Amino acid sequence: ARLFAKACGFLAKTDRLDARFLAIMGEALKPAQTPPPDQALETLQELVNARSAANGERTALSNRMKTAVAAFLRKELTRRLAALDTHIARLDAEIERSICADPEMRRRLDILISIP
């Protein structure tokens, strides 16, 4: 959109101009409508994002564990890591259940798995 406005000779950057040129660009280019994502796909993405965040947290805790000296802290970190492992396993199970419940996602998974 910014480059479209620049090509039309407008260099200013304001919300009002951006909105105007987005409307002009949409009218000129007439992009195809994009349907909203399927609810099952949105749910799966949310689960995958939660799993990614949990893995990041697990990595951070594991790194802290390597430098922890205090016995109490090591014990607490070990307890939190075990809880995170359980959480990640439950997310994995729910992700698998979501994929298997939707025939289209199952088909996509089968294709991805078949790639050598």
PDB file of N, CA and C in Angstrom:
ATOM      1  N   ALA A   1       0.827  -1.189   0.000  1.00  0.00           N
ATOM      2  CA  ALA A   1       0.000   0.000   0.000  1.00  0.00           C
ATOM      3  C   ALA A   1       0.876   1.259   0.000  1.00  0.00           C
ATOM      4  N   ARG A   2       1.953   1.214   0.761  1.00  0.00           N
ATOM      5  CA  ARG A   2       2.852   2.369   0.831  1.00  0.00           C
ATOM      6  C   ARG A   2       3.485   2.638  -0.533  1.00  0.00           C
ATOM      7  N   LEU A   3       3.921   1.586  -1.197  1.00  0.00           N
ATOM      8  CA  LEU A   3       4.535   1.743  -2.519  1.00  0.00           C
ATOM      9  C   LEU A   3       3.509   2.217  -3.549  1.00  0.00           C
ATOM     10  N   PHE A   4       2.261   1.779  -3.412  1.00  0.00           N
ATOM     11  CA  PHE A   4       1.197   2.226  -4.310  1.00  0.00           C
ATOM     12  C   PHE A   4       1.002   3.734  -4.165  1.00  0.00           C
ATOM     13  N   ALA A   5       0.958   4.222  -2.919  1.00  0.00           N
ATOM     14  CA  ALA A   5       0.799   5.661  -2.675  1.00  0.00           C
ATOM     15  C   ALA A   5       1.999   6.421  -3.237  1.00  0.00           C
ATOM     16  N   LYS A   6       3.175   5.875  -3.042  1.00  0.00           N
ATOM     17  CA  LYS A   6       4.390   6.527  -3.556  1.00  0.00           C
ATOM     18  C   LYS A   6       4.350   6.591  -5.084  1.00  0.00           C
ATOM     19  N   ALA A   7       3.883   5.507  -5.715  1.00  0.00           N
ATOM     20  CA  ALA A   7       3.785   5.483  -7.175  1.00  0.00           C
ATOM     21  C   ALA A   7       2.783   6.508  -7.683  1.00  0.00           C
ATOM     22  N   CYS A   8       1.798   6.846  -6.852  1.00  0.00           N
ATOM     23  CA  CYS A   8       0.811   7.866  -7.225  1.00  0.00           C
ATOM     24  C   CYS A   8       1.308   9.274  -6.915  1.00  0.00           C
ATOM     25  N   GLY A   9       2.509   9.373  -6.345  1.00  0.00           N
ATOM     26  CA  GLY A   9       3.100  10.676  -6.086  1.00  0.00           C
ATOM     27  C   GLY A   9       2.850  11.223  -4.693  1.00  0.00           C
ATOM     28  N   PHE A  10       2.350  10.413  -3.790  1.00  0.00           N
ATOM     29  CA  PHE A  10       2.100  10.865  -2.418  1.00  0.00           C
ATOM     30  C   PHE A  10       3.136  10.253  -1.489  1.00  0.00           C
ATOM     31  N   LEU A  11       3.918  11.113  -0.853  1.00  0.00           N
ATOM     32  CA  LEU A  11       4.979  10.643   0.028  1.00  0.00           C
ATOM     33  C   LEU A  11       4.615  10.756   1.501  1.00  0.00           C
ATOM     34  N   ALA A  12       3.592  11.553   1.822  1.00  0.00           N
ATOM     35  CA  ALA A  12       3.201  11.711   3.225  1.00  0.00           C
ATOM     36  C   ALA A  12       2.674  10.393   3.766  1.00  0.00           C
ATOM     37  N   LYS A  13       2.879  10.194   5.062  1.00  0.00           N
ATOM     38  CA  LYS A  13       2.416   8.957   5.692  1.00  0.00           C
ATOM     39  C   LYS A  13       1.500   9.330   6.851  1.00  0.00           C
ATOM     40  N   THR A  14       0.218   9.261   6.609  1.00  0.00           N
ATOM     41  CA  THR A  14      -0.754   9.477   7.680  1.00  0.00           C
ATOM     42  C   THR A  14      -1.808   8.382   7.583  1.00  0.00           C
ATOM     43  N   ASP A  15      -2.514   8.166   8.661  1.00  0.00           N
ATOM     44  CA  ASP A  15      -3.555   7.139   8.655  1.00  0.00           C
ATOM     45  C   ASP A  15      -4.649   7.465   7.636  1.00  0.00           C
ATOM     46  N   ARG A  16      -4.975   8.739   7.536  1.00  0.00           N
ATOM     47  CA  ARG A  16      -6.017   9.150   6.594  1.00  0.00           C
ATOM     48  C   ARG A  16      -5.592   8.858   5.150  1.00  0.00           C
ATOM     49  N   LEU A  17      -4.337   9.208   4.803  1.00  0.00           N
ATOM     50  CA  LEU A  17      -3.840   8.934   3.444  1.00  0.00           C
ATOM     51  C   LEU A  17      -3.723   7.430   3.195  1.00  0.00           C
ATOM     52  N   ASP A  18      -3.217   6.699   4.195  1.00  0.00           N
ATOM     53  CA  ASP A  18      -3.095   5.247   4.039  1.00  0.00           C
ATOM     54  C   ASP A  18      -4.453   4.618   3.765  1.00  0.00           C
ATOM     55  N   ALA A  19      -5.464   5.026   4.509  1.00  0.00           N
ATOM     56  CA  ALA A  19      -6.805   4.481   4.315  1.00  0.00           C
ATOM     57  C   ALA A  19      -7.331   4.822   2.921  1.00  0.00           C
ATOM     58  N   ARG A  20      -7.105   6.051   2.513  1.00  0.00           N
ATOM     59  CA  ARG A  20      -7.569   6.473   1.188  1.00  0.00           C
ATOM     60  C   ARG A  20      -6.900   5.664   0.084  1.00  0.00           C
ATOM     61  N   PHE A  21      -5.581   5.479   0.200  1.00  0.00           N
ATOM     62  CA  PHE A  21      -4.878   4.750  -0.855  1.00  0.00           C
ATOM     63  C   PHE A  21      -5.130   3.245  -0.791  1.00  0.00           C
ATOM     64  N   LEU A  22      -5.424   2.725   0.375  1.00  0.00           N
ATOM     65  CA  LEU A  22      -5.839   1.320   0.436  1.00  0.00           C
ATOM     66  C   LEU A  22      -7.158   1.130  -0.307  1.00  0.00           C
ATOM     67  N   ALA A  23      -8.073   2.066  -0.141  1.00  0.00           N
ATOM     68  CA  ALA A  23      -9.350   1.994  -0.851  1.00  0.00           C
ATOM     69  C   ALA A  23      -9.143   2.126  -2.352  1.00  0.00           C
ATOM     70  N   ILE A  24      -8.303   3.081  -2.765  1.00  0.00           N
ATOM     71  CA  ILE A  24      -8.026   3.278  -4.195  1.00  0.00           C
ATOM     72  C   ILE A  24      -7.333   2.040  -4.768  1.00  0.00           C
ATOM     73  N   MET A  25      -6.363   1.507  -4.030  1.00  0.00           N
ATOM     74  CA  MET A  25      -5.641   0.323  -4.496  1.00  0.00           C
ATOM     75  C   MET A  25      -6.595  -0.867  -4.631  1.00  0.00           C
ATOM     76  N   GLY A  26      -7.481  -1.049  -3.645  1.00  0.00           N
ATOM     77  CA  GLY A  26      -8.453  -2.140  -3.716  1.00  0.00           C
ATOM     78  C   GLY A  26      -9.373  -2.008  -4.907  1.00  0.00           C
ATOM     79  N   GLU A  27      -9.796  -0.778  -5.175  1.00  0.00           N
ATOM     80  CA  GLU A  27     -10.673  -0.532  -6.325  1.00  0.00           C
ATOM     81  C   GLU A  27      -9.928  -0.786  -7.635  1.00  0.00           C
ATOM     82  N   ALA A  28      -8.672  -0.396  -7.705  1.00  0.00           N
ATOM     83  CA  ALA A  28      -7.895  -0.549  -8.938  1.00  0.00           C
ATOM     84  C   ALA A  28      -7.495  -2.003  -9.197  1.00  0.00           C
ATOM     85  N   LEU A  29      -7.086  -2.690  -8.148  1.00  0.00           N
ATOM     86  CA  LEU A  29      -6.568  -4.051  -8.334  1.00  0.00           C
ATOM     87  C   LEU A  29      -7.638  -5.133  -8.228  1.00  0.00           C
ATOM     88  N   LYS A  30      -8.722  -4.831  -7.541  1.00  0.00           N
ATOM     89  CA  LYS A  30      -9.815  -5.778  -7.329  1.00  0.00           C
ATOM     90  C   LYS A  30      -9.286  -7.162  -6.918  1.00  0.00           C
ATOM     91  N   PRO A  31      -8.639  -7.227  -5.747  1.00  0.00           N
ATOM     92  CA  PRO A  31      -8.096  -8.520  -5.302  1.00  0.00           C
ATOM     93  C   PRO A  31      -9.216  -9.523  -5.015  1.00  0.00           C
ATOM     94  N   ALA A  32      -8.899 -10.773  -5.192  1.00  0.00           N
ATOM     95  CA  ALA A  32      -9.876 -11.836  -4.928  1.00  0.00           C
ATOM     96  C   ALA A  32     -10.199 -11.869  -3.442  1.00  0.00           C
ATOM     97  N   GLN A  33     -11.443 -12.199  -3.139  1.00  0.00           N
ATOM     98  CA  GLN A  33     -11.840 -12.300  -1.745  1.00  0.00           C
ATOM     99  C   GLN A  33     -11.205 -13.529  -1.123  1.00  0.00           C
ATOM    100  N   THR A  34     -10.748 -13.358   0.096  1.00  0.00           N
ATOM    101  CA  THR A  34     -10.153 -14.458   0.830  1.00  0.00           C
ATOM    102  C   THR A  34     -11.130 -14.897   1.909  1.00  0.00           C
ATOM    103  N   PRO A  35     -11.580 -16.139   1.855  1.00  0.00           N
ATOM    104  CA  PRO A  35     -12.524 -16.584   2.880  1.00  0.00           C
ATOM    105  C   PRO A  35     -11.842 -16.657   4.244  1.00  0.00           C
ATOM    106  N   PRO A  36     -12.592 -16.454   5.315  1.00  0.00           N
ATOM    107  CA  PRO A  36     -11.982 -16.558   6.642  1.00  0.00           C
ATOM    108  C   PRO A  36     -11.505 -17.982   6.880  1.00  0.00           C
ATOM    109  N   PRO A  37     -10.469 -18.144   7.708  1.00  0.00           N
ATOM    110  CA  PRO A  37      -9.966 -19.490   7.956  1.00  0.00           C
ATOM    111  C   PRO A  37     -11.010 -20.363   8.640  1.00  0.00           C
ATOM    112  N   ASP A  38     -10.938 -21.623   8.374  1.00  0.00           N
ATOM    113  CA  ASP A  38     -11.822 -22.609   8.974  1.00  0.00           C
ATOM    114  C   ASP A  38     -11.626 -22.596  10.496  1.00  0.00           C
ATOM    115  N   GLN A  39     -12.720 -22.781  11.247  1.00  0.00           N
ATOM    116  CA  GLN A  39     -12.647 -22.767  12.710  1.00  0.00           C
ATOM    117  C   GLN A  39     -11.701 -23.850  13.226  1.00  0.00           C
ATOM    118  N   ALA A  40     -11.717 -25.025  12.599  1.00  0.00           N
ATOM    119  CA  ALA A  40     -10.829 -26.116  13.029  1.00  0.00           C
ATOM    120  C   ALA A  40      -9.364 -25.721  12.818  1.00  0.00           C
ATOM    121  N   LEU A  41      -9.082 -25.028  11.739  1.00  0.00           N
ATOM    122  CA  LEU A  41      -7.714 -24.589  11.458  1.00  0.00           C
ATOM    123  C   LEU A  41      -7.278 -23.520  12.456  1.00  0.00           C
ATOM    124  N   GLU A  42      -8.184 -22.603  12.804  1.00  0.00           N
ATOM    125  CA  GLU A  42      -7.861 -21.590  13.807  1.00  0.00           C
ATOM    126  C   GLU A  42      -7.577 -22.223  15.166  1.00  0.00           C
ATOM    127  N   THR A  43      -8.375 -23.210  15.529  1.00  0.00           N
ATOM    128  CA  THR A  43      -8.167 -23.912  16.800  1.00  0.00           C
ATOM    129  C   THR A  43      -6.826 -24.623  16.801  1.00  0.00           C
ATOM    130  N   LEU A  44      -6.512 -25.282  15.700  1.00  0.00           N
ATOM    131  CA  LEU A  44      -5.235 -25.976  15.595  1.00  0.00           C
ATOM    132  C   LEU A  44      -4.078 -24.993  15.701  1.00  0.00           C
ATOM    133  N   GLN A  45      -4.183 -23.844  15.049  1.00  0.00           N
ATOM    134  CA  GLN A  45      -3.125 -22.843  15.106  1.00  0.00           C
ATOM    135  C   GLN A  45      -2.939 -22.337  16.534  1.00  0.00           C
ATOM    136  N   GLU A  46      -4.035 -22.152  17.237  1.00  0.00           N
ATOM    137  CA  GLU A  46      -3.951 -21.706  18.633  1.00  0.00           C
ATOM    138  C   GLU A  46      -3.225 -22.746  19.492  1.00  0.00           C
ATOM    139  N   LEU A  47      -3.538 -24.009  19.267  1.00  0.00           N
ATOM    140  CA  LEU A  47      -2.866 -25.080  20.015  1.00  0.00           C
ATOM    141  C   LEU A  47      -1.379 -25.139  19.675  1.00  0.00           C
ATOM    142  N   VAL A  48      -1.042 -24.995  18.403  1.00  0.00           N
ATOM    143  CA  VAL A  48       0.356 -25.025  17.980  1.00  0.00           C
ATOM    144  C   VAL A  48       1.117 -23.845  18.572  1.00  0.00           C
ATOM    145  N   ASN A  49       0.482 -22.668  18.594  1.00  0.00           N
ATOM    146  CA  ASN A  49       1.128 -21.501  19.205  1.00  0.00           C
ATOM    147  C   ASN A  49       1.360 -21.713  20.700  1.00  0.00           C
ATOM    148  N   ALA A  50       0.389 -22.316  21.373  1.00  0.00           N
ATOM    149  CA  ALA A  50       0.546 -22.606  22.804  1.00  0.00           C
ATOM    150  C   ALA A  50       1.683 -23.590  23.022  1.00  0.00           C
ATOM    151  N   ARG A  51       1.800 -24.581  22.148  1.00  0.00           N
ATOM    152  CA  ARG A  51       2.877 -25.565  22.274  1.00  0.00           C
ATOM    153  C   ARG A  51       4.233 -24.914  22.050  1.00  0.00           C
ATOM    154  N   SER A  52       4.299 -24.028  21.064  1.00  0.00           N
ATOM    155  CA  SER A  52       5.547 -23.321  20.785  1.00  0.00           C
ATOM    156  C   SER A  52       5.963 -22.464  21.982  1.00  0.00           C
ATOM    157  N   ALA A  53       5.010 -21.779  22.581  1.00  0.00           N
ATOM    158  CA  ALA A  53       5.303 -20.954  23.760  1.00  0.00           C
ATOM    159  C   ALA A  53       5.767 -21.821  24.924  1.00  0.00           C
ATOM    160  N   ALA A  54       5.118 -22.957  25.111  1.00  0.00           N
ATOM    161  CA  ALA A  54       5.507 -23.864  26.198  1.00  0.00           C
ATOM    162  C   ALA A  54       6.917 -24.405  25.961  1.00  0.00           C
ATOM    163  N   ASN A  55       7.249 -24.716  24.717  1.00  0.00           N
ATOM    164  CA  ASN A  55       8.605 -25.185  24.409  1.00  0.00           C
ATOM    165  C   ASN A  55       9.639 -24.098  24.676  1.00  0.00           C
ATOM    166  N   GLY A  56       9.307 -22.862  24.338  1.00  0.00           N
ATOM    167  CA  GLY A  56      10.208 -21.747  24.631  1.00  0.00           C
ATOM    168  C   GLY A  56      10.420 -21.585  26.123  1.00  0.00           C
ATOM    169  N   GLU A  57       9.337 -21.703  26.873  1.00  0.00           N
ATOM    170  CA  GLU A  57       9.430 -21.602  28.330  1.00  0.00           C
ATOM    171  C   GLU A  57      10.264 -22.752  28.897  1.00  0.00           C
ATOM    172  N   ARG A  58      10.082 -23.940  28.312  1.00  0.00           N
ATOM    173  CA  ARG A  58      10.840 -25.099  28.772  1.00  0.00           C
ATOM    174  C   ARG A  58      12.336 -24.902  28.530  1.00  0.00           C
ATOM    175  N   THR A  59      12.678 -24.358  27.376  1.00  0.00           N
ATOM    176  CA  THR A  59      14.075 -24.083  27.061  1.00  0.00           C
ATOM    177  C   THR A  59      14.670 -23.077  28.048  1.00  0.00           C
ATOM    178  N   ALA A  60      13.907 -22.024  28.343  1.00  0.00           N
ATOM    179  CA  ALA A  60      14.390 -21.006  29.280  1.00  0.00           C
ATOM    180  C   ALA A  60      14.613 -21.608  30.671  1.00  0.00           C
ATOM    181  N   LEU A  61      13.665 -22.422  31.123  1.00  0.00           N
ATOM    182  CA  LEU A  61      13.818 -23.057  32.442  1.00  0.00           C
ATOM    183  C   LEU A  61      14.993 -24.025  32.455  1.00  0.00           C
ATOM    184  N   SER A  62      15.152 -24.762  31.380  1.00  0.00           N
ATOM    185  CA  SER A  62      16.267 -25.707  31.283  1.00  0.00           C
ATOM    186  C   SER A  62      17.600 -24.971  31.334  1.00  0.00           C
ATOM    187  N   ASN A  63      17.677 -23.827  30.660  1.00  0.00           N
ATOM    188  CA  ASN A  63      18.904 -23.027  30.698  1.00  0.00           C
ATOM    189  C   ASN A  63      19.169 -22.485  32.100  1.00  0.00           C
ATOM    190  N   ARG A  64      18.117 -22.058  32.784  1.00  0.00           N
ATOM    191  CA  ARG A  64      18.277 -21.582  34.159  1.00  0.00           C
ATOM    192  C   ARG A  64      18.728 -22.711  35.066  1.00  0.00           C
ATOM    193  N   MET A  65      18.238 -23.912  34.810  1.00  0.00           N
ATOM    194  CA  MET A  65      18.585 -25.084  35.623  1.00  0.00           C
ATOM    195  C   MET A  65      20.091 -25.365  35.552  1.00  0.00           C
ATOM    196  N   LYS A  66      20.675 -25.130  34.375  1.00  0.00           N
ATOM    197  CA  LYS A  66      22.108 -25.389  34.196  1.00  0.00           C
ATOM    198  C   LYS A  66      22.980 -24.478  35.053  1.00  0.00           C
ATOM    199  N   THR A  67      22.466 -23.296  35.384  1.00  0.00           N
ATOM    200  CA  THR A  67      23.272 -22.349  36.148  1.00  0.00           C
ATOM    201  C   THR A  67      22.841 -22.237  37.614  1.00  0.00           C
ATOM    202  N   ALA A  68      21.732 -22.883  37.964  1.00  0.00           N
ATOM    203  CA  ALA A  68      21.234 -22.789  39.342  1.00  0.00           C
ATOM    204  C   ALA A  68      22.140 -23.560  40.296  1.00  0.00           C
ATOM    205  N   VAL A  69      22.436 -22.958  41.419  1.00  0.00           N
ATOM    206  CA  VAL A  69      23.295 -23.570  42.424  1.00  0.00           C
ATOM    207  C   VAL A  69      22.481 -23.970  43.656  1.00  0.00           C
ATOM    208  N   ALA A  70      21.547 -23.119  44.059  1.00  0.00           N
ATOM    209  CA  ALA A  70      20.762 -23.362  45.271  1.00  0.00           C
ATOM    210  C   ALA A  70      19.898 -24.611  45.110  1.00  0.00           C
ATOM    211  N   ALA A  71      19.927 -25.479  46.094  1.00  0.00           N
ATOM    212  CA  ALA A  71      19.175 -26.736  46.049  1.00  0.00           C
ATOM    213  C   ALA A  71      17.672 -26.467  45.921  1.00  0.00           C
ATOM    214  N   PHE A  72      17.180 -25.471  46.664  1.00  0.00           N
ATOM    215  CA  PHE A  72      15.755 -25.149  46.598  1.00  0.00           C
ATOM    216  C   PHE A  72      15.358 -24.749  45.185  1.00  0.00           C
ATOM    217  N   LEU A  73      16.164 -23.877  44.567  1.00  0.00           N
ATOM    218  CA  LEU A  73      15.869 -23.412  43.219  1.00  0.00           C
ATOM    219  C   LEU A  73      15.915 -24.560  42.216  1.00  0.00           C
ATOM    220  N   ARG A  74      16.897 -25.434  42.342  1.00  0.00           N
ATOM    221  CA  ARG A  74      16.990 -26.587  41.434  1.00  0.00           C
ATOM    222  C   ARG A  74      15.755 -27.483  41.565  1.00  0.00           C
ATOM    223  N   LYS A  75      15.294 -27.655  42.799  1.00  0.00           N
ATOM    224  CA  LYS A  75      14.110 -28.483  43.044  1.00  0.00           C
ATOM    225  C   LYS A  75      12.865 -27.841  42.421  1.00  0.00           C
ATOM    226  N   GLU A  76      12.721 -26.523  42.589  1.00  0.00           N
ATOM    227  CA  GLU A  76      11.581 -25.810  42.007  1.00  0.00           C
ATOM    228  C   GLU A  76      11.620 -25.850  40.483  1.00  0.00           C
ATOM    229  N   LEU A  77      12.781 -25.652  39.916  1.00  0.00           N
ATOM    230  CA  LEU A  77      12.912 -25.700  38.458  1.00  0.00           C
ATOM    231  C   LEU A  77      12.595 -27.095  37.925  1.00  0.00           C
ATOM    232  N   THR A  78      13.052 -28.114  38.646  1.00  0.00           N
ATOM    233  CA  THR A  78      12.751 -29.493  38.244  1.00  0.00           C
ATOM    234  C   THR A  78      11.251 -29.740  38.264  1.00  0.00           C
ATOM    235  N   ARG A  79      10.572 -29.232  39.309  1.00  0.00           N
ATOM    236  CA  ARG A  79       9.125 -29.396  39.422  1.00  0.00           C
ATOM    237  C   ARG A  79       8.415 -28.673  38.278  1.00  0.00           C
ATOM    238  N   ARG A  80       8.842 -27.455  37.970  1.00  0.00           N
ATOM    239  CA  ARG A  80       8.225 -26.693  36.883  1.00  0.00           C
ATOM    240  C   ARG A  80       8.480 -27.327  35.521  1.00  0.00           C
ATOM    241  N   LEU A  81       9.680 -27.882  35.327  1.00  0.00           N
ATOM    242  CA  LEU A  81       9.984 -28.572  34.064  1.00  0.00           C
ATOM    243  C   LEU A  81       9.096 -29.798  33.896  1.00  0.00           C
ATOM    244  N   ALA A  82       8.890 -30.539  34.974  1.00  0.00           N
ATOM    245  CA  ALA A  82       8.021 -31.725  34.896  1.00  0.00           C
ATOM    246  C   ALA A  82       6.592 -31.312  34.554  1.00  0.00           C
ATOM    247  N   ALA A  83       6.113 -30.232  35.165  1.00  0.00           N
ATOM    248  CA  ALA A  83       4.768 -29.746  34.867  1.00  0.00           C
ATOM    249  C   ALA A  83       4.663 -29.299  33.407  1.00  0.00           C
ATOM    250  N   LEU A  84       5.702 -28.640  32.912  1.00  0.00           N
ATOM    251  CA  LEU A  84       5.699 -28.203  31.503  1.00  0.00           C
ATOM    252  C   LEU A  84       5.720 -29.393  30.554  1.00  0.00           C
ATOM    253  N   ASP A  85       6.489 -30.412  30.899  1.00  0.00           N
ATOM    254  CA  ASP A  85       6.521 -31.620  30.061  1.00  0.00           C
ATOM    255  C   ASP A  85       5.125 -32.238  29.965  1.00  0.00           C
ATOM    256  N   THR A  86       4.407 -32.266  31.090  1.00  0.00           N
ATOM    257  CA  THR A  86       3.043 -32.796  31.097  1.00  0.00           C
ATOM    258  C   THR A  86       2.132 -31.922  30.240  1.00  0.00           C
ATOM    259  N   HIS A  87       2.279 -30.626  30.386  1.00  0.00           N
ATOM    260  CA  HIS A  87       1.476 -29.681  29.609  1.00  0.00           C
ATOM    261  C   HIS A  87       1.728 -29.859  28.107  1.00  0.00           C
ATOM    262  N   ILE A  88       2.982 -29.980  27.721  1.00  0.00           N
ATOM    263  CA  ILE A  88       3.335 -30.152  26.304  1.00  0.00           C
ATOM    264  C   ILE A  88       2.780 -31.476  25.778  1.00  0.00           C
ATOM    265  N   ALA A  89       2.858 -32.516  26.576  1.00  0.00           N
ATOM    266  CA  ALA A  89       2.312 -33.815  26.155  1.00  0.00           C
ATOM    267  C   ALA A  89       0.799 -33.722  25.955  1.00  0.00           C
ATOM    268  N   ARG A  90       0.117 -33.004  26.831  1.00  0.00           N
ATOM    269  CA  ARG A  90      -1.332 -32.837  26.686  1.00  0.00           C
ATOM    270  C   ARG A  90      -1.656 -32.010  25.447  1.00  0.00           C
ATOM    271  N   LEU A  91      -0.853 -30.976  25.171  1.00  0.00           N
ATOM    272  CA  LEU A  91      -1.054 -30.197  23.950  1.00  0.00           C
ATOM    273  C   LEU A  91      -0.829 -31.061  22.713  1.00  0.00           C
ATOM    274  N   ASP A  92       0.212 -31.884  22.724  1.00  0.00           N
ATOM    275  CA  ASP A  92       0.478 -32.784  21.595  1.00  0.00           C
ATOM    276  C   ASP A  92      -0.719 -33.707  21.344  1.00  0.00           C
ATOM    277  N   ALA A  93      -1.278 -34.254  22.423  1.00  0.00           N
ATOM    278  CA  ALA A  93      -2.426 -35.154  22.285  1.00  0.00           C
ATOM    279  C   ALA A  93      -3.631 -34.418  21.714  1.00  0.00           C
ATOM    280  N   GLU A  94      -3.855 -33.199  22.156  1.00  0.00           N
ATOM    281  CA  GLU A  94      -4.994 -32.420  21.652  1.00  0.00           C
ATOM    282  C   GLU A  94      -4.781 -32.011  20.201  1.00  0.00           C
ATOM    283  N   ILE A  95      -3.550 -31.680  19.844  1.00  0.00           N
ATOM    284  CA  ILE A  95      -3.240 -31.356  18.445  1.00  0.00           C
ATOM    285  C   ILE A  95      -3.512 -32.569  17.560  1.00  0.00           C
ATOM    286  N   GLU A  96      -3.057 -33.722  17.995  1.00  0.00           N
ATOM    287  CA  GLU A  96      -3.290 -34.944  17.216  1.00  0.00           C
ATOM    288  C   GLU A  96      -4.784 -35.253  17.109  1.00  0.00           C
ATOM    289  N   ARG A  97      -5.515 -35.080  18.222  1.00  0.00           N
ATOM    290  CA  ARG A  97      -6.946 -35.327  18.200  1.00  0.00           C
ATOM    291  C   ARG A  97      -7.645 -34.374  17.237  1.00  0.00           C
ATOM    292  N   SER A  98      -7.243 -33.098  17.236  1.00  0.00           N
ATOM    293  CA  SER A  98      -7.844 -32.107  16.341  1.00  0.00           C
ATOM    294  C   SER A  98      -7.592 -32.448  14.878  1.00  0.00           C
ATOM    295  N   ILE A  99      -6.391 -32.877  14.587  1.00  0.00           N
ATOM    296  CA  ILE A  99      -6.052 -33.231  13.207  1.00  0.00           C
ATOM    297  C   ILE A  99      -6.841 -34.452  12.757  1.00  0.00           C
ATOM    298  N   CYS A 100      -6.908 -35.456  13.600  1.00  0.00           N
ATOM    299  CA  CYS A 100      -7.616 -36.689  13.231  1.00  0.00           C
ATOM    300  C   CYS A 100      -9.125 -36.483  13.126  1.00  0.00           C
ATOM    301  N   ALA A 101      -9.669 -35.477  13.823  1.00  0.00           N
ATOM    302  CA  ALA A 101     -11.113 -35.225  13.789  1.00  0.00           C
ATOM    303  C   ALA A 101     -11.547 -34.515  12.511  1.00  0.00           C
ATOM    304  N   ASP A 102     -10.626 -33.916  11.791  1.00  0.00           N
ATOM    305  CA  ASP A 102     -10.957 -33.178  10.577  1.00  0.00           C
ATOM    306  C   ASP A 102     -10.365 -33.903   9.379  1.00  0.00           C
ATOM    307  N   PRO A 103     -11.199 -34.432   8.489  1.00  0.00           N
ATOM    308  CA  PRO A 103     -10.694 -35.208   7.347  1.00  0.00           C
ATOM    309  C   PRO A 103      -9.719 -34.433   6.452  1.00  0.00           C
ATOM    310  N   GLU A 104      -9.976 -33.142   6.241  1.00  0.00           N
ATOM    311  CA  GLU A 104      -9.091 -32.349   5.383  1.00  0.00           C
ATOM    312  C   GLU A 104      -7.717 -32.169   6.027  1.00  0.00           C
ATOM    313  N   MET A 105      -7.694 -31.886   7.320  1.00  0.00           N
ATOM    314  CA  MET A 105      -6.401 -31.744   8.001  1.00  0.00           C
ATOM    315  C   MET A 105      -5.683 -33.087   8.054  1.00  0.00           C
ATOM    316  N   ARG A 106      -6.416 -34.159   8.230  1.00  0.00           N
ATOM    317  CA  ARG A 106      -5.804 -35.496   8.245  1.00  0.00           C
ATOM    318  C   ARG A 106      -5.165 -35.794   6.883  1.00  0.00           C
ATOM    319  N   ARG A 107      -5.865 -35.397   5.815  1.00  0.00           N
ATOM    320  CA  ARG A 107      -5.335 -35.603   4.460  1.00  0.00           C
ATOM    321  C   ARG A 107      -4.045 -34.803   4.278  1.00  0.00           C
ATOM    322  N   ARG A 108      -4.039 -33.558   4.751  1.00  0.00           N
ATOM    323  CA  ARG A 108      -2.837 -32.726   4.652  1.00  0.00           C
ATOM    324  C   ARG A 108      -1.676 -33.332   5.437  1.00  0.00           C
ATOM    325  N   LEU A 109      -1.992 -33.842   6.619  1.00  0.00           N
ATOM    326  CA  LEU A 109      -0.947 -34.485   7.440  1.00  0.00           C
ATOM    327  C   LEU A 109      -0.382 -35.697   6.721  1.00  0.00           C
ATOM    328  N   ASP A 110      -1.246 -36.502   6.145  1.00  0.00           N
ATOM    329  CA  ASP A 110      -0.780 -37.683   5.423  1.00  0.00           C
ATOM    330  C   ASP A 110       0.135 -37.302   4.273  1.00  0.00           C
ATOM    331  N   ILE A 111      -0.190 -36.217   3.578  1.00  0.00           N
ATOM    332  CA  ILE A 111       0.670 -35.750   2.488  1.00  0.00           C
ATOM    333  C   ILE A 111       2.027 -35.312   3.037  1.00  0.00           C
ATOM    334  N   LEU A 112       2.007 -34.522   4.120  1.00  0.00           N
ATOM    335  CA  LEU A 112       3.280 -34.057   4.710  1.00  0.00           C
ATOM    336  C   LEU A 112       4.133 -35.216   5.199  1.00  0.00           C
ATOM    337  N   ILE A 113       3.504 -36.202   5.799  1.00  0.00           N
ATOM    338  CA  ILE A 113       4.249 -37.353   6.319  1.00  0.00           C
ATOM    339  C   ILE A 113       4.833 -38.182   5.181  1.00  0.00           C
ATOM    340  N   SER A 114       4.167 -38.193   4.037  1.00  0.00           N
ATOM    341  CA  SER A 114       4.617 -39.031   2.924  1.00  0.00           C
ATOM    342  C   SER A 114       5.827 -38.445   2.207  1.00  0.00           C
ATOM    343  N   ILE A 115       6.132 -37.175   2.452  1.00  0.00           N
ATOM    344  CA  ILE A 115       7.278 -36.535   1.779  1.00  0.00           C
ATOM    345  C   ILE A 115       8.572 -37.069   2.389  1.00  0.00           C
ATOM    346  N   PRO A 116       9.465 -37.619   1.541  1.00  0.00           N
ATOM    347  CA  PRO A 116      10.709 -38.181   2.094  1.00  0.00           C
ATOM    348  C   PRO A 116      11.661 -37.132   2.610  1.00  0.00           C
TER     349      PRO A 116
END
